Amino acid sequence: MDELILELKNEIIKVLNLEGVTPEDISDDGELFGEGLGLDSIDALELIVLLEKTYGIKLKDPAQGKEIFKSVRTMAEYVQANRTK
């Protein structure tokens, strides 16, 4: 799981062009939106595309994203359980 969490952090940094942010700057359990990393709804769309392209995961219900993208750990757990790639 730790490898997947690190992989996701690197992908998030790359896909969202988070300049000056390192994987160490992103907490495994910290919120990605709002007070945490401060991502917004456009970033959420980018994360949905990331899951689809990289892991073959299609979100059927966009409302799922709120729970899936709560933290890097929740993303990793979802990817681990649902990946097709």
N, C-alpha and C. Protein backbone atom coordinates (compact mmCIF):
# COMPACT_ATOMS: atom_id res chain seq x y z
N MET A 1 0.83 -1.20 0.00
CA MET A 1 0.00 0.00 0.00
C MET A 1 0.87 1.26 0.00
N ASP A 2 2.00 1.22 0.73
CA ASP A 2 2.86 2.40 0.80
C ASP A 2 3.39 2.79 -0.58
N GLU A 3 3.71 1.77 -1.41
CA GLU A 3 4.20 2.06 -2.76
C GLU A 3 3.12 2.74 -3.58
N LEU A 4 1.89 2.26 -3.46
CA LEU A 4 0.77 2.85 -4.20
C LEU A 4 0.50 4.28 -3.73
N ILE A 5 0.59 4.52 -2.44
CA ILE A 5 0.39 5.87 -1.91
C ILE A 5 1.44 6.82 -2.48
N LEU A 6 2.70 6.40 -2.50
CA LEU A 6 3.77 7.23 -3.06
C LEU A 6 3.54 7.46 -4.56
N GLU A 7 3.14 6.41 -5.26
CA GLU A 7 2.85 6.52 -6.69
C GLU A 7 1.73 7.54 -6.93
N LEU A 8 0.67 7.47 -6.14
CA LEU A 8 -0.44 8.41 -6.28
C LEU A 8 -0.01 9.84 -5.99
N LYS A 9 0.79 10.02 -4.96
CA LYS A 9 1.28 11.37 -4.65
C LYS A 9 2.05 11.94 -5.84
N ASN A 10 2.94 11.14 -6.43
CA ASN A 10 3.71 11.60 -7.58
C ASN A 10 2.80 11.91 -8.76
N GLU A 11 1.78 11.07 -9.00
CA GLU A 11 0.83 11.30 -10.09
C GLU A 11 0.02 12.58 -9.85
N ILE A 12 -0.42 12.79 -8.62
CA ILE A 12 -1.19 13.99 -8.29
C ILE A 12 -0.34 15.24 -8.56
N ILE A 13 0.90 15.22 -8.13
CA ILE A 13 1.80 16.36 -8.34
C ILE A 13 1.98 16.62 -9.84
N LYS A 14 2.18 15.54 -10.60
CA LYS A 14 2.41 15.68 -12.04
C LYS A 14 1.15 16.15 -12.77
N VAL A 15 0.02 15.50 -12.53
CA VAL A 15 -1.22 15.80 -13.24
C VAL A 15 -1.75 17.20 -12.91
N LEU A 16 -1.60 17.61 -11.67
CA LEU A 16 -2.13 18.92 -11.25
C LEU A 16 -1.09 20.04 -11.31
N ASN A 17 0.10 19.71 -11.82
CA ASN A 17 1.17 20.71 -11.94
C ASN A 17 1.42 21.46 -10.64
N LEU A 18 1.57 20.71 -9.56
CA LEU A 18 1.80 21.32 -8.25
C LEU A 18 3.29 21.63 -8.09
N GLU A 19 3.68 22.76 -8.63
CA GLU A 19 5.08 23.17 -8.59
C GLU A 19 5.54 23.41 -7.17
N GLY A 20 6.72 22.93 -6.86
CA GLY A 20 7.29 23.14 -5.54
C GLY A 20 6.75 22.19 -4.48
N VAL A 21 5.87 21.27 -4.87
CA VAL A 21 5.31 20.31 -3.92
C VAL A 21 6.00 18.97 -4.13
N THR A 22 6.42 18.34 -3.03
CA THR A 22 7.03 17.02 -3.10
C THR A 22 6.08 16.01 -2.47
N PRO A 23 6.28 14.72 -2.74
CA PRO A 23 5.42 13.71 -2.12
C PRO A 23 5.42 13.82 -0.59
N GLU A 24 6.53 14.22 -0.02
CA GLU A 24 6.63 14.35 1.43
C GLU A 24 5.74 15.48 1.96
N ASP A 25 5.42 16.45 1.09
CA ASP A 25 4.57 17.57 1.49
C ASP A 25 3.10 17.17 1.60
N ILE A 26 2.74 16.04 1.01
CA ILE A 26 1.35 15.61 0.99
C ILE A 26 1.15 14.52 2.05
N SER A 27 0.28 14.79 2.99
CA SER A 27 0.00 13.83 4.05
C SER A 27 -0.82 12.66 3.50
N ASP A 28 -0.52 11.45 3.97
CA ASP A 28 -1.28 10.27 3.53
C ASP A 28 -2.75 10.40 3.89
N ASP A 29 -3.03 10.97 5.05
CA ASP A 29 -4.40 11.04 5.55
C ASP A 29 -4.98 12.44 5.57
N GLY A 30 -4.21 13.43 5.10
CA GLY A 30 -4.70 14.80 5.08
C GLY A 30 -5.71 15.01 3.97
N GLU A 31 -6.61 15.95 4.19
CA GLU A 31 -7.62 16.26 3.19
C GLU A 31 -6.98 16.81 1.92
N LEU A 32 -7.50 16.38 0.78
CA LEU A 32 -6.99 16.89 -0.49
C LEU A 32 -7.68 18.19 -0.88
N PHE A 33 -8.94 18.35 -0.45
CA PHE A 33 -9.71 19.55 -0.79
C PHE A 33 -9.88 20.42 0.44
N GLY A 34 -10.22 21.68 0.22
CA GLY A 34 -10.45 22.59 1.35
C GLY A 34 -9.19 22.89 2.12
N GLU A 35 -9.24 22.65 3.42
CA GLU A 35 -8.13 22.99 4.32
C GLU A 35 -6.84 22.24 4.03
N GLY A 36 -6.95 21.03 3.52
CA GLY A 36 -5.76 20.21 3.28
C GLY A 36 -4.88 20.76 2.17
N LEU A 37 -4.83 20.04 1.07
CA LEU A 37 -3.99 20.42 -0.07
C LEU A 37 -4.60 21.59 -0.84
N GLY A 38 -5.88 21.86 -0.60
CA GLY A 38 -6.53 23.02 -1.23
C GLY A 38 -6.95 22.81 -2.67
N LEU A 39 -7.23 21.58 -3.05
CA LEU A 39 -7.66 21.32 -4.42
C LEU A 39 -9.09 21.82 -4.62
N ASP A 40 -9.47 21.99 -5.90
CA ASP A 40 -10.82 22.47 -6.21
C ASP A 40 -11.53 21.51 -7.17
N SER A 41 -12.70 21.91 -7.66
CA SER A 41 -13.51 21.02 -8.50
C SER A 41 -12.83 20.68 -9.83
N ILE A 42 -12.07 21.59 -10.38
CA ILE A 42 -11.32 21.31 -11.62
C ILE A 42 -10.28 20.23 -11.34
N ASP A 43 -9.63 20.33 -10.19
CA ASP A 43 -8.65 19.31 -9.81
C ASP A 43 -9.32 17.96 -9.66
N ALA A 44 -10.56 17.93 -9.15
CA ALA A 44 -11.29 16.68 -9.00
C ALA A 44 -11.49 16.01 -10.35
N LEU A 45 -11.81 16.80 -11.36
CA LEU A 45 -11.97 16.24 -12.71
C LEU A 45 -10.66 15.64 -13.20
N GLU A 46 -9.57 16.31 -12.92
CA GLU A 46 -8.25 15.80 -13.31
C GLU A 46 -7.95 14.47 -12.60
N LEU A 47 -8.34 14.37 -11.34
CA LEU A 47 -8.12 13.13 -10.59
C LEU A 47 -8.97 11.99 -11.15
N ILE A 48 -10.19 12.31 -11.58
CA ILE A 48 -11.06 11.29 -12.20
C ILE A 48 -10.41 10.76 -13.48
N VAL A 49 -9.86 11.67 -14.29
CA VAL A 49 -9.17 11.27 -15.52
C VAL A 49 -7.94 10.44 -15.18
N LEU A 50 -7.21 10.83 -14.14
CA LEU A 50 -6.03 10.07 -13.70
C LEU A 50 -6.41 8.63 -13.36
N LEU A 51 -7.47 8.44 -12.60
CA LEU A 51 -7.89 7.09 -12.23
C LEU A 51 -8.25 6.28 -13.46
N GLU A 52 -8.92 6.91 -14.41
CA GLU A 52 -9.34 6.20 -15.61
C GLU A 52 -8.14 5.81 -16.48
N LYS A 53 -7.27 6.77 -16.76
CA LYS A 53 -6.13 6.52 -17.65
C LYS A 53 -5.09 5.58 -17.03
N THR A 54 -4.77 5.81 -15.78
CA THR A 54 -3.67 5.09 -15.15
C THR A 54 -4.09 3.74 -14.58
N TYR A 55 -5.29 3.67 -14.03
CA TYR A 55 -5.70 2.46 -13.31
C TYR A 55 -6.92 1.77 -13.91
N GLY A 56 -7.49 2.33 -14.99
CA GLY A 56 -8.64 1.72 -15.64
C GLY A 56 -9.91 1.79 -14.81
N ILE A 57 -10.00 2.77 -13.94
CA ILE A 57 -11.16 2.91 -13.06
C ILE A 57 -12.07 4.01 -13.59
N LYS A 58 -13.32 3.63 -13.88
CA LYS A 58 -14.32 4.62 -14.30
C LYS A 58 -15.27 4.85 -13.14
N LEU A 59 -15.42 6.10 -12.75
CA LEU A 59 -16.38 6.42 -11.70
C LEU A 59 -17.76 6.52 -12.33
N LYS A 60 -18.66 5.66 -11.91
CA LYS A 60 -20.02 5.66 -12.45
C LYS A 60 -20.83 6.80 -11.85
N ASP A 61 -20.54 7.15 -10.61
CA ASP A 61 -21.27 8.19 -9.91
C ASP A 61 -20.27 9.25 -9.43
N PRO A 62 -20.27 10.43 -10.06
CA PRO A 62 -19.32 11.47 -9.66
C PRO A 62 -19.38 11.82 -8.17
N ALA A 63 -20.53 11.58 -7.55
CA ALA A 63 -20.65 11.86 -6.12
C ALA A 63 -19.73 10.96 -5.30
N GLN A 64 -19.34 9.82 -5.88
CA GLN A 64 -18.39 8.92 -5.21
C GLN A 64 -17.06 9.63 -4.96
N GLY A 65 -16.73 10.54 -5.85
CA GLY A 65 -15.44 11.21 -5.76
C GLY A 65 -15.19 11.86 -4.42
N LYS A 66 -16.22 12.37 -3.80
CA LYS A 66 -16.06 13.06 -2.52
C LYS A 66 -15.44 12.13 -1.48
N GLU A 67 -15.88 10.88 -1.45
CA GLU A 67 -15.32 9.92 -0.50
C GLU A 67 -13.98 9.38 -0.98
N ILE A 68 -13.88 9.09 -2.27
CA ILE A 68 -12.65 8.51 -2.82
C ILE A 68 -11.49 9.48 -2.69
N PHE A 69 -11.75 10.76 -2.97
CA PHE A 69 -10.69 11.77 -2.97
C PHE A 69 -10.55 12.49 -1.63
N LYS A 70 -11.01 11.88 -0.57
CA LYS A 70 -10.90 12.49 0.76
C LYS A 70 -9.43 12.66 1.15
N SER A 71 -8.61 11.64 0.87
CA SER A 71 -7.18 11.69 1.17
C SER A 71 -6.45 10.78 0.19
N VAL A 72 -5.14 10.84 0.20
CA VAL A 72 -4.36 9.95 -0.66
C VAL A 72 -4.59 8.50 -0.24
N ARG A 73 -4.71 8.26 1.05
CA ARG A 73 -4.94 6.89 1.53
C ARG A 73 -6.28 6.33 1.03
N THR A 74 -7.34 7.15 1.07
CA THR A 74 -8.64 6.66 0.59
C THR A 74 -8.59 6.42 -0.92
N MET A 75 -7.84 7.23 -1.64
CA MET A 75 -7.66 7.00 -3.08
C MET A 75 -6.94 5.68 -3.30
N ALA A 76 -5.87 5.45 -2.54
CA ALA A 76 -5.08 4.22 -2.69
C ALA A 76 -5.93 2.98 -2.39
N GLU A 77 -6.74 3.06 -1.35
CA GLU A 77 -7.60 1.93 -1.00
C GLU A 77 -8.60 1.65 -2.11
N TYR A 78 -9.15 2.71 -2.69
CA TYR A 78 -10.12 2.54 -3.79
C TYR A 78 -9.42 1.96 -5.02
N VAL A 79 -8.25 2.48 -5.35
CA VAL A 79 -7.49 1.98 -6.51
C VAL A 79 -7.15 0.51 -6.31
N GLN A 80 -6.65 0.17 -5.14
CA GLN A 80 -6.26 -1.21 -4.86
C GLN A 80 -7.44 -2.16 -5.03
N ALA A 81 -8.62 -1.74 -4.63
CA ALA A 81 -9.80 -2.60 -4.69
C ALA A 81 -10.45 -2.64 -6.08
N ASN A 82 -10.22 -1.62 -6.91
CA ASN A 82 -10.97 -1.50 -8.15
C ASN A 82 -10.15 -1.41 -9.44
N ARG A 83 -8.85 -1.41 -9.35
CA ARG A 83 -8.04 -1.20 -10.55
C ARG A 83 -8.19 -2.35 -11.54
N THR A 84 -8.10 -1.99 -12.83
CA THR A 84 -8.14 -2.99 -13.89
C THR A 84 -6.83 -3.00 -14.67
N LYS A 85 -5.97 -2.04 -14.35
CA LYS A 85 -4.64 -1.95 -15.02
C LYS A 85 -3.55 -2.12 -14.00
